[in-house]
Amino acid sequence: MTSLDHPQMSGLGRNPTAPQDVLIRLATHKAGRHGISLRRGRLEDAVVEALLTHGDDNTAVRLHGDRVSPAMRRRIAEHPNPAIRDAYADFVRGMVDRKVPIGIDALEEAYGQPRAALVSATSPSLRAAVARAWYDRPLAVQVELLADPDPQVRAAATEHRQPGVPPEWRERCLADAAVCVNVARYAPLTSEQFVQLMRSEEEKVHQAVAGNPHLSAEMIARLLDINDPLVRIAAAQSRHVDAETRDRLYALVEAERADGSIEAEVALNWNFAEPDWLREAPSTSR
């Protein structure tokens, strides 16, 4: 085993056919432990014991949930070294503090509470993490998050189209600086709401509105002369724009890019959103 170099040890540790005795020997080496940590499925108890013996808290981070048996989970929970005992929970909490998205199951495991209870946690960072991770939350939970006193929680609750914003909450959300841009991207807008948003001096608001898939032909028409490459490209992708207008808008942005506009470069090359109406439009055969 000692004749293997680090990449070979790591690769052998990941090998799904590697027998238990080989994995136990690999656990004595840092590269081997790294490879084992990347294996899929549950680790045998003897392998976990070897990892705990030779590894540290970095090794223990991956020893959680279904990766280990209930007996090994109890073994880790009772470990005399708090760094190993709390390795996974500390890792998850660190991700929460840094606002790095992490799965709802991981949050429940690390904080030892069900998601319904975590929604009311004292920490706004944790409430925001739950809002980002609990995609299929009930409407009542979404309303609770929309009414949260902390702006970061409200913002997290509106990052995605689902579960969305109930109609009776749209006006309030559009008036909330913390969530206005998020909601303007996807919520159906009345004519009055559209006009009010376009009066904003914030370019991000205009760009969000331009990408809203629910805009009417009249709303799109009001976007066509806005001198913003991102707005122009978003408007060009609307179902309400004919081919001639679409070509004109793209030509304008291409000209801006040729003149050195970074915004135009971003609009043309970093706009990965696929218009919803293209997926919904019936295909035609020739």
C-alpha atoms as a PDB file:
ATOM      1  CA  MET A   1       0.000   0.000   0.000  1.00  0.00           C
ATOM      2  CA  THR A   2       2.809   2.423   0.798  1.00  0.00           C
ATOM      3  CA  SER A   3       4.140   2.074  -2.761  1.00  0.00           C
ATOM      4  CA  LEU A   4       1.058   3.817  -4.125  1.00  0.00           C
ATOM      5  CA  ASP A   5       1.218   7.547  -4.739  1.00  0.00           C
ATOM      6  CA  HIS A   6      -1.473   9.952  -3.522  1.00  0.00           C
ATOM      7  CA  PRO A   7      -3.642   9.962  -6.676  1.00  0.00           C
ATOM      8  CA  GLN A   8      -3.598   6.159  -6.753  1.00  0.00           C
ATOM      9  CA  MET A   9      -4.622   5.960  -3.101  1.00  0.00           C
ATOM     10  CA  SER A  10      -7.429   8.420  -3.664  1.00  0.00           C
ATOM     11  CA  GLY A  11      -8.603   6.542  -6.736  1.00  0.00           C
ATOM     12  CA  LEU A  12      -8.493   3.207  -4.959  1.00  0.00           C
ATOM     13  CA  GLY A  13     -10.481   4.680  -2.081  1.00  0.00           C
ATOM     14  CA  ARG A  14     -13.226   5.706  -4.524  1.00  0.00           C
ATOM     15  CA  ASN A  15     -13.244   2.326  -6.251  1.00  0.00           C
ATOM     16  CA  PRO A  16     -16.633   0.713  -5.484  1.00  0.00           C
ATOM     17  CA  THR A  17     -15.114  -2.783  -5.692  1.00  0.00           C
ATOM     18  CA  ALA A  18     -12.337  -2.136  -3.166  1.00  0.00           C
ATOM     19  CA  PRO A  19     -12.711  -4.683  -0.317  1.00  0.00           C
ATOM     20  CA  GLN A  20     -13.093  -3.710   3.315  1.00  0.00           C
ATOM     21  CA  ASP A  21      -9.576  -4.668   4.361  1.00  0.00           C
ATOM     22  CA  VAL A  22      -8.073  -2.462   1.650  1.00  0.00           C
ATOM     23  CA  LEU A  23     -10.251   0.487   2.710  1.00  0.00           C
ATOM     24  CA  ILE A  24      -9.183   0.045   6.322  1.00  0.00           C
ATOM     25  CA  ARG A  25      -5.536   0.195   5.261  1.00  0.00           C
ATOM     26  CA  LEU A  26      -6.222   3.207   3.050  1.00  0.00           C
ATOM     27  CA  ALA A  27      -7.760   4.999   6.037  1.00  0.00           C
ATOM     28  CA  THR A  28      -4.287   5.362   7.532  1.00  0.00           C
ATOM     29  CA  HIS A  29      -3.320   7.743   4.708  1.00  0.00           C
ATOM     30  CA  LYS A  30      -4.726  11.212   4.054  1.00  0.00           C
ATOM     31  CA  ALA A  31      -5.148  10.599   0.314  1.00  0.00           C
ATOM     32  CA  GLY A  32      -6.813   7.278   0.996  1.00  0.00           C
ATOM     33  CA  ARG A  33      -9.243   8.878   3.444  1.00  0.00           C
ATOM     34  CA  HIS A  34     -10.054  11.509   0.851  1.00  0.00           C
ATOM     35  CA  GLY A  35     -10.843   8.852  -1.728  1.00  0.00           C
ATOM     36  CA  ILE A  36     -13.022   6.910   0.705  1.00  0.00           C
ATOM     37  CA  SER A  37     -14.928  10.093   1.553  1.00  0.00           C
ATOM     38  CA  LEU A  38     -15.977  10.348  -2.105  1.00  0.00           C
ATOM     39  CA  ARG A  39     -17.423   6.840  -2.264  1.00  0.00           C
ATOM     40  CA  ARG A  40     -21.155   6.486  -2.732  1.00  0.00           C
ATOM     41  CA  GLY A  41     -23.397   4.537  -0.423  1.00  0.00           C
ATOM     42  CA  ARG A  42     -23.014   3.434   3.175  1.00  0.00           C
ATOM     43  CA  LEU A  43     -19.588   2.754   4.600  1.00  0.00           C
ATOM     44  CA  GLU A  44     -19.066  -0.404   6.591  1.00  0.00           C
ATOM     45  CA  ASP A  45     -18.683   0.079  10.331  1.00  0.00           C
ATOM     46  CA  ALA A  46     -15.102  -1.162  10.386  1.00  0.00           C
ATOM     47  CA  VAL A  47     -14.149   1.378   7.706  1.00  0.00           C
ATOM     48  CA  VAL A  48     -15.843   4.188   9.622  1.00  0.00           C
ATOM     49  CA  GLU A  49     -14.004   3.134  12.776  1.00  0.00           C
ATOM     50  CA  ALA A  50     -10.699   3.274  10.888  1.00  0.00           C
ATOM     51  CA  LEU A  51     -11.533   6.731   9.552  1.00  0.00           C
ATOM     52  CA  LEU A  52     -12.327   7.962  13.044  1.00  0.00           C
ATOM     53  CA  THR A  53      -9.104   6.462  14.383  1.00  0.00           C
ATOM     54  CA  HIS A  54      -6.771   7.931  11.781  1.00  0.00           C
ATOM     55  CA  GLY A  55      -8.685  10.975  10.555  1.00  0.00           C
ATOM     56  CA  ASP A  56      -9.710  14.298  12.024  1.00  0.00           C
ATOM     57  CA  ASP A  57     -12.695  16.621  11.971  1.00  0.00           C
ATOM     58  CA  ASN A  58     -12.292  17.111   8.214  1.00  0.00           C
ATOM     59  CA  THR A  59     -12.738  13.383   7.765  1.00  0.00           C
ATOM     60  CA  ALA A  60     -15.680  13.282  10.146  1.00  0.00           C
ATOM     61  CA  VAL A  61     -17.591  15.926   8.178  1.00  0.00           C
ATOM     62  CA  ARG A  62     -18.614  13.281   5.645  1.00  0.00           C
ATOM     63  CA  LEU A  63     -19.598  10.690   8.235  1.00  0.00           C
ATOM     64  CA  HIS A  64     -23.269  11.476   8.698  1.00  0.00           C
ATOM     65  CA  GLY A  65     -26.771  10.455   7.700  1.00  0.00           C
ATOM     66  CA  ASP A  66     -27.157   7.344   5.595  1.00  0.00           C
ATOM     67  CA  ARG A  67     -23.432   7.252   4.918  1.00  0.00           C
ATOM     68  CA  VAL A  68     -22.971   5.485   8.248  1.00  0.00           C
ATOM     69  CA  SER A  69     -25.004   2.982  10.240  1.00  0.00           C
ATOM     70  CA  PRO A  70     -27.134   3.986  13.243  1.00  0.00           C
ATOM     71  CA  ALA A  71     -24.510   2.375  15.478  1.00  0.00           C
ATOM     72  CA  MET A  72     -21.771   4.548  13.971  1.00  0.00           C
ATOM     73  CA  ARG A  73     -23.928   7.648  14.226  1.00  0.00           C
ATOM     74  CA  ARG A  74     -24.236   6.967  17.962  1.00  0.00           C
ATOM     75  CA  ARG A  75     -20.506   6.317  18.105  1.00  0.00           C
ATOM     76  CA  ILE A  76     -19.788   9.717  16.535  1.00  0.00           C
ATOM     77  CA  ALA A  77     -22.387  11.486  18.699  1.00  0.00           C
ATOM     78  CA  GLU A  78     -20.619  10.134  21.797  1.00  0.00           C
ATOM     79  CA  HIS A  79     -17.066  10.715  20.554  1.00  0.00           C
ATOM     80  CA  PRO A  80     -14.826  12.269  23.227  1.00  0.00           C
ATOM     81  CA  ASN A  81     -13.376  14.784  20.747  1.00  0.00           C
ATOM     82  CA  PRO A  82     -15.911  17.599  20.250  1.00  0.00           C
ATOM     83  CA  ALA A  83     -14.315  18.564  16.920  1.00  0.00           C
ATOM     84  CA  ILE A  84     -15.196  15.127  15.553  1.00  0.00           C
ATOM     85  CA  ARG A  85     -18.487  14.884  17.426  1.00  0.00           C
ATOM     86  CA  ASP A  86     -19.732  18.171  15.990  1.00  0.00           C
ATOM     87  CA  ALA A  87     -17.874  18.163  12.662  1.00  0.00           C
ATOM     88  CA  TYR A  88     -20.892  17.858  10.384  1.00  0.00           C
ATOM     89  CA  ALA A  89     -23.108  20.206  12.373  1.00  0.00           C
ATOM     90  CA  ASP A  90     -20.313  22.806  12.492  1.00  0.00           C
ATOM     91  CA  PHE A  91     -19.812  22.485   8.742  1.00  0.00           C
ATOM     92  CA  VAL A  92     -23.505  23.051   8.007  1.00  0.00           C
ATOM     93  CA  ARG A  93     -23.706  25.973  10.410  1.00  0.00           C
ATOM     94  CA  GLY A  94     -20.681  27.515   8.751  1.00  0.00           C
ATOM     95  CA  MET A  95     -22.411  27.255   5.375  1.00  0.00           C
ATOM     96  CA  VAL A  96     -25.492  28.919   6.848  1.00  0.00           C
ATOM     97  CA  ASP A  97     -23.439  31.783   8.297  1.00  0.00           C
ATOM     98  CA  ARG A  98     -21.772  32.291   4.906  1.00  0.00           C
ATOM     99  CA  LYS A  99     -25.158  32.178   3.153  1.00  0.00           C
ATOM    100  CA  VAL A 100     -24.073  29.201   1.047  1.00  0.00           C
ATOM    101  CA  PRO A 101     -27.143  27.212  -0.089  1.00  0.00           C
ATOM    102  CA  ILE A 102     -27.398  23.811   1.562  1.00  0.00           C
ATOM    103  CA  GLY A 103     -30.079  21.116   1.460  1.00  0.00           C
ATOM    104  CA  ILE A 104     -33.034  21.076   3.812  1.00  0.00           C
ATOM    105  CA  ASP A 105     -32.214  17.541   5.013  1.00  0.00           C
ATOM    106  CA  ALA A 106     -28.747  18.728   6.002  1.00  0.00           C
ATOM    107  CA  LEU A 107     -30.249  21.618   7.946  1.00  0.00           C
ATOM    108  CA  GLU A 108     -32.600  19.309   9.820  1.00  0.00           C
ATOM    109  CA  GLU A 109     -29.787  16.921  10.684  1.00  0.00           C
ATOM    110  CA  ALA A 110     -27.338  19.607  11.770  1.00  0.00           C
ATOM    111  CA  TYR A 111     -29.795  21.575  13.894  1.00  0.00           C
ATOM    112  CA  GLY A 112     -31.738  18.571  15.188  1.00  0.00           C
ATOM    113  CA  GLN A 113     -35.152  20.016  14.358  1.00  0.00           C
ATOM    114  CA  PRO A 114     -37.744  19.491  11.631  1.00  0.00           C
ATOM    115  CA  ARG A 115     -37.978  22.089   8.883  1.00  0.00           C
ATOM    116  CA  ALA A 116     -41.328  23.354  10.164  1.00  0.00           C
ATOM    117  CA  ALA A 117     -39.623  24.340  13.418  1.00  0.00           C
ATOM    118  CA  LEU A 118     -36.534  25.797  11.727  1.00  0.00           C
ATOM    119  CA  VAL A 119     -38.717  28.337   9.927  1.00  0.00           C
ATOM    120  CA  SER A 120     -39.179  30.020  13.313  1.00  0.00           C
ATOM    121  CA  ALA A 121     -35.537  29.751  14.398  1.00  0.00           C
ATOM    122  CA  THR A 122     -34.002  32.674  16.264  1.00  0.00           C
ATOM    123  CA  SER A 123     -31.254  33.129  13.684  1.00  0.00           C
ATOM    124  CA  PRO A 124     -32.363  35.027  10.557  1.00  0.00           C
ATOM    125  CA  SER A 125     -29.518  33.411   8.624  1.00  0.00           C
ATOM    126  CA  LEU A 126     -30.963  29.999   9.450  1.00  0.00           C
ATOM    127  CA  ARG A 127     -34.493  31.077   8.508  1.00  0.00           C
ATOM    128  CA  ALA A 128     -33.126  32.354   5.202  1.00  0.00           C
ATOM    129  CA  ALA A 129     -31.299  29.066   4.630  1.00  0.00           C
ATOM    130  CA  VAL A 130     -34.556  27.176   5.172  1.00  0.00           C
ATOM    131  CA  ALA A 131     -36.305  29.483   2.706  1.00  0.00           C
ATOM    132  CA  ARG A 132     -33.666  28.705   0.076  1.00  0.00           C
ATOM    133  CA  ALA A 133     -33.697  24.967   0.678  1.00  0.00           C
ATOM    134  CA  TRP A 134     -37.328  24.015   1.364  1.00  0.00           C
ATOM    135  CA  TYR A 135     -38.614  24.243  -2.204  1.00  0.00           C
ATOM    136  CA  ASP A 136     -41.984  22.552  -1.703  1.00  0.00           C
ATOM    137  CA  ARG A 137     -42.954  24.372   1.473  1.00  0.00           C
ATOM    138  CA  PRO A 138     -46.681  24.873   2.121  1.00  0.00           C
ATOM    139  CA  LEU A 139     -48.309  28.197   1.338  1.00  0.00           C
ATOM    140  CA  ALA A 140     -48.755  28.976   5.049  1.00  0.00           C
ATOM    141  CA  VAL A 141     -45.008  28.648   5.555  1.00  0.00           C
ATOM    142  CA  GLN A 142     -44.314  30.846   2.553  1.00  0.00           C
ATOM    143  CA  VAL A 143     -46.596  33.553   3.942  1.00  0.00           C
ATOM    144  CA  GLU A 144     -44.750  33.367   7.258  1.00  0.00           C
ATOM    145  CA  LEU A 145     -41.456  33.868   5.442  1.00  0.00           C
ATOM    146  CA  LEU A 146     -42.812  36.758   3.377  1.00  0.00           C
ATOM    147  CA  ALA A 147     -43.827  38.469   6.625  1.00  0.00           C
ATOM    148  CA  ASP A 148     -40.466  37.844   8.316  1.00  0.00           C
ATOM    149  CA  PRO A 149     -39.034  40.989   9.954  1.00  0.00           C
ATOM    150  CA  ASP A 150     -35.570  40.344   8.513  1.00  0.00           C
ATOM    151  CA  PRO A 151     -35.029  41.430   4.876  1.00  0.00           C
ATOM    152  CA  GLN A 152     -32.585  38.611   4.126  1.00  0.00           C
ATOM    153  CA  VAL A 153     -35.256  36.063   4.971  1.00  0.00           C
ATOM    154  CA  ARG A 154     -37.851  37.750   2.772  1.00  0.00           C
ATOM    155  CA  ALA A 155     -35.331  37.947  -0.053  1.00  0.00           C
ATOM    156  CA  ALA A 156     -34.496  34.247   0.254  1.00  0.00           C
ATOM    157  CA  ALA A 157     -38.180  33.358   0.252  1.00  0.00           C
ATOM    158  CA  THR A 158     -38.677  35.075  -3.100  1.00  0.00           C
ATOM    159  CA  GLU A 159     -35.550  33.974  -4.966  1.00  0.00           C
ATOM    160  CA  HIS A 160     -37.412  31.313  -6.947  1.00  0.00           C
ATOM    161  CA  ARG A 161     -40.726  31.260  -8.770  1.00  0.00           C
ATOM    162  CA  GLN A 162     -41.966  28.454  -6.564  1.00  0.00           C
ATOM    163  CA  PRO A 163     -43.734  28.490  -4.215  1.00  0.00           C
ATOM    164  CA  GLY A 164     -44.187  32.055  -5.427  1.00  0.00           C
ATOM    165  CA  VAL A 165     -46.048  35.019  -4.026  1.00  0.00           C
ATOM    166  CA  PRO A 166     -49.831  34.833  -3.433  1.00  0.00           C
ATOM    167  CA  PRO A 167     -51.792  37.497  -5.378  1.00  0.00           C
ATOM    168  CA  GLU A 168     -52.795  39.293  -2.190  1.00  0.00           C
ATOM    169  CA  TRP A 169     -49.085  39.672  -1.263  1.00  0.00           C
ATOM    170  CA  ARG A 170     -47.783  40.992  -4.581  1.00  0.00           C
ATOM    171  CA  GLU A 171     -48.433  44.674  -3.927  1.00  0.00           C
ATOM    172  CA  ARG A 172     -46.708  44.500  -0.570  1.00  0.00           C
ATOM    173  CA  CYS A 173     -43.751  42.584  -1.973  1.00  0.00           C
ATOM    174  CA  LEU A 174     -43.301  44.923  -4.931  1.00  0.00           C
ATOM    175  CA  ALA A 175     -43.098  47.815  -2.467  1.00  0.00           C
ATOM    176  CA  ASP A 176     -40.476  45.974  -0.376  1.00  0.00           C
ATOM    177  CA  ALA A 177     -36.953  46.904  -1.463  1.00  0.00           C
ATOM    178  CA  ALA A 178     -35.644  43.572  -0.173  1.00  0.00           C
ATOM    179  CA  VAL A 179     -37.763  41.488  -2.540  1.00  0.00           C
ATOM    180  CA  CYS A 180     -38.952  43.853  -5.269  1.00  0.00           C
ATOM    181  CA  VAL A 181     -36.410  42.741  -7.870  1.00  0.00           C
ATOM    182  CA  ASN A 182     -37.022  39.058  -7.168  1.00  0.00           C
ATOM    183  CA  VAL A 183     -40.787  39.332  -7.429  1.00  0.00           C
ATOM    184  CA  ALA A 184     -40.707  41.600 -10.475  1.00  0.00           C
ATOM    185  CA  ARG A 185     -38.983  38.804 -12.394  1.00  0.00           C
ATOM    186  CA  TYR A 186     -41.867  36.359 -12.275  1.00  0.00           C
ATOM    187  CA  ALA A 187     -45.077  37.639 -10.631  1.00  0.00           C
ATOM    188  CA  PRO A 188     -47.965  38.578 -12.931  1.00  0.00           C
ATOM    189  CA  LEU A 189     -48.150  42.379 -12.933  1.00  0.00           C
ATOM    190  CA  THR A 190     -51.108  44.688 -13.306  1.00  0.00           C
ATOM    191  CA  SER A 191     -50.737  47.708 -15.608  1.00  0.00           C
ATOM    192  CA  GLU A 192     -50.425  49.939 -12.562  1.00  0.00           C
ATOM    193  CA  GLN A 193     -47.741  47.780 -10.994  1.00  0.00           C
ATOM    194  CA  PHE A 194     -45.797  47.687 -14.255  1.00  0.00           C
ATOM    195  CA  VAL A 195     -45.903  51.473 -14.601  1.00  0.00           C
ATOM    196  CA  GLN A 196     -44.828  51.963 -10.997  1.00  0.00           C
ATOM    197  CA  LEU A 197     -41.871  49.604 -11.377  1.00  0.00           C
ATOM    198  CA  MET A 198     -40.723  51.289 -14.573  1.00  0.00           C
ATOM    199  CA  ARG A 199     -40.687  54.619 -12.729  1.00  0.00           C
ATOM    200  CA  SER A 200     -37.963  53.228 -10.497  1.00  0.00           C
ATOM    201  CA  GLU A 201     -34.490  54.682 -10.918  1.00  0.00           C
ATOM    202  CA  GLU A 202     -32.964  51.258 -10.310  1.00  0.00           C
ATOM    203  CA  GLU A 203     -31.694  49.527 -13.458  1.00  0.00           C
ATOM    204  CA  LYS A 204     -32.028  46.143 -11.739  1.00  0.00           C
ATOM    205  CA  VAL A 205     -35.759  46.718 -11.371  1.00  0.00           C
ATOM    206  CA  HIS A 206     -36.145  47.482 -15.084  1.00  0.00           C
ATOM    207  CA  GLN A 207     -34.073  44.427 -15.997  1.00  0.00           C
ATOM    208  CA  ALA A 208     -36.138  42.203 -13.713  1.00  0.00           C
ATOM    209  CA  VAL A 209     -39.401  43.461 -15.189  1.00  0.00           C
ATOM    210  CA  ALA A 210     -38.107  42.959 -18.734  1.00  0.00           C
ATOM    211  CA  GLY A 211     -37.520  39.282 -18.028  1.00  0.00           C
ATOM    212  CA  ASN A 212     -40.980  38.710 -16.555  1.00  0.00           C
ATOM    213  CA  PRO A 213     -42.712  36.021 -18.668  1.00  0.00           C
ATOM    214  CA  HIS A 214     -46.195  37.411 -17.965  1.00  0.00           C
ATOM    215  CA  LEU A 215     -45.802  40.819 -19.622  1.00  0.00           C
ATOM    216  CA  SER A 216     -48.497  41.854 -22.071  1.00  0.00           C
ATOM    217  CA  ALA A 217     -47.825  43.124 -25.595  1.00  0.00           C
ATOM    218  CA  GLU A 218     -48.470  46.664 -24.380  1.00  0.00           C
ATOM    219  CA  MET A 219     -45.922  46.288 -21.598  1.00  0.00           C
ATOM    220  CA  ILE A 220     -43.293  44.893 -23.965  1.00  0.00           C
ATOM    221  CA  ALA A 221     -43.917  47.796 -26.335  1.00  0.00           C
ATOM    222  CA  ARG A 222     -42.981  50.212 -23.548  1.00  0.00           C
ATOM    223  CA  LEU A 223     -39.652  48.447 -23.072  1.00  0.00           C
ATOM    224  CA  LEU A 224     -38.445  48.643 -26.663  1.00  0.00           C
ATOM    225  CA  ASP A 225     -36.861  52.086 -26.434  1.00  0.00           C
ATOM    226  CA  ILE A 226     -35.117  51.647 -23.092  1.00  0.00           C
ATOM    227  CA  ASN A 227     -31.382  52.123 -23.545  1.00  0.00           C
ATOM    228  CA  ASP A 228     -30.248  49.104 -21.542  1.00  0.00           C
ATOM    229  CA  PRO A 229     -28.719  46.060 -23.305  1.00  0.00           C
ATOM    230  CA  LEU A 230     -30.153  43.607 -20.780  1.00  0.00           C
ATOM    231  CA  VAL A 231     -33.639  45.071 -21.173  1.00  0.00           C
ATOM    232  CA  ARG A 232     -33.334  45.014 -24.959  1.00  0.00           C
ATOM    233  CA  ILE A 233     -32.285  41.357 -25.084  1.00  0.00           C
ATOM    234  CA  ALA A 234     -35.031  40.371 -22.642  1.00  0.00           C
ATOM    235  CA  ALA A 235     -37.605  42.249 -24.720  1.00  0.00           C
ATOM    236  CA  ALA A 236     -36.264  40.670 -27.915  1.00  0.00           C
ATOM    237  CA  GLN A 237     -37.005  37.231 -26.477  1.00  0.00           C
ATOM    238  CA  SER A 238     -40.665  38.048 -25.816  1.00  0.00           C
ATOM    239  CA  ARG A 239     -43.419  36.217 -27.671  1.00  0.00           C
ATOM    240  CA  HIS A 240     -44.938  39.633 -28.410  1.00  0.00           C
ATOM    241  CA  VAL A 241     -41.992  40.805 -30.550  1.00  0.00           C
ATOM    242  CA  ASP A 242     -41.955  40.183 -34.293  1.00  0.00           C
ATOM    243  CA  ALA A 243     -38.857  39.031 -36.174  1.00  0.00           C
ATOM    244  CA  GLU A 244     -38.032  42.476 -37.532  1.00  0.00           C
ATOM    245  CA  THR A 245     -38.152  44.105 -34.094  1.00  0.00           C
ATOM    246  CA  ARG A 246     -36.172  41.249 -32.601  1.00  0.00           C
ATOM    247  CA  ASP A 247     -33.431  41.658 -35.201  1.00  0.00           C
ATOM    248  CA  ARG A 248     -33.356  45.422 -34.603  1.00  0.00           C
ATOM    249  CA  LEU A 249     -32.915  44.999 -30.856  1.00  0.00           C
ATOM    250  CA  TYR A 250     -30.124  42.476 -31.271  1.00  0.00           C
ATOM    251  CA  ALA A 251     -28.397  44.722 -33.802  1.00  0.00           C
ATOM    252  CA  LEU A 252     -28.466  47.621 -31.358  1.00  0.00           C
ATOM    253  CA  VAL A 253     -26.860  45.521 -28.631  1.00  0.00           C
ATOM    254  CA  GLU A 254     -24.303  44.084 -31.069  1.00  0.00           C
ATOM    255  CA  ALA A 255     -23.320  47.639 -31.998  1.00  0.00           C
ATOM    256  CA  GLU A 256     -22.923  48.544 -28.331  1.00  0.00           C
ATOM    257  CA  ARG A 257     -20.709  45.520 -27.809  1.00  0.00           C
ATOM    258  CA  ALA A 258     -18.590  46.562 -30.790  1.00  0.00           C
ATOM    259  CA  ASP A 259     -18.135  49.927 -29.083  1.00  0.00           C
ATOM    260  CA  GLY A 260     -16.773  48.178 -25.991  1.00  0.00           C
ATOM    261  CA  SER A 261     -19.872  47.993 -23.784  1.00  0.00           C
ATOM    262  CA  ILE A 262     -19.407  45.429 -21.024  1.00  0.00           C
ATOM    263  CA  GLU A 263     -23.167  45.465 -20.373  1.00  0.00           C
ATOM    264  CA  ALA A 264     -23.817  44.532 -23.996  1.00  0.00           C
ATOM    265  CA  GLU A 265     -21.269  41.719 -23.788  1.00  0.00           C
ATOM    266  CA  VAL A 266     -23.000  40.365 -20.704  1.00  0.00           C
ATOM    267  CA  ALA A 267     -26.448  40.689 -22.285  1.00  0.00           C
ATOM    268  CA  LEU A 268     -25.399  38.733 -25.368  1.00  0.00           C
ATOM    269  CA  ASN A 269     -23.215  36.039 -23.828  1.00  0.00           C
ATOM    270  CA  TRP A 270     -24.384  35.550 -20.248  1.00  0.00           C
ATOM    271  CA  ASN A 271     -28.128  35.496 -20.639  1.00  0.00           C
ATOM    272  CA  PHE A 272     -28.867  31.804 -20.219  1.00  0.00           C
ATOM    273  CA  ALA A 273     -32.564  32.084 -19.436  1.00  0.00           C
ATOM    274  CA  GLU A 274     -34.753  30.205 -21.872  1.00  0.00           C
ATOM    275  CA  PRO A 275     -38.044  31.983 -22.671  1.00  0.00           C
ATOM    276  CA  ASP A 276     -40.930  29.987 -21.210  1.00  0.00           C
ATOM    277  CA  TRP A 277     -43.084  30.542 -24.260  1.00  0.00           C
ATOM    278  CA  LEU A 278     -40.654  28.621 -26.474  1.00  0.00           C
ATOM    279  CA  ARG A 279     -41.255  25.494 -24.395  1.00  0.00           C
ATOM    280  CA  GLU A 280     -44.993  26.044 -24.533  1.00  0.00           C
ATOM    281  CA  ALA A 281     -45.281  26.922 -28.242  1.00  0.00           C
ATOM    282  CA  PRO A 282     -46.556  24.116 -30.506  1.00  0.00           C
ATOM    283  CA  SER A 283     -43.908  22.719 -32.833  1.00  0.00           C
ATOM    284  CA  THR A 284     -44.415  22.883 -36.586  1.00  0.00           C
ATOM    285  CA  SER A 285     -43.220  20.256 -38.993  1.00  0.00           C
ATOM    286  CA  ARG A 286     -42.044  20.896 -42.501  1.00  0.00           C
END
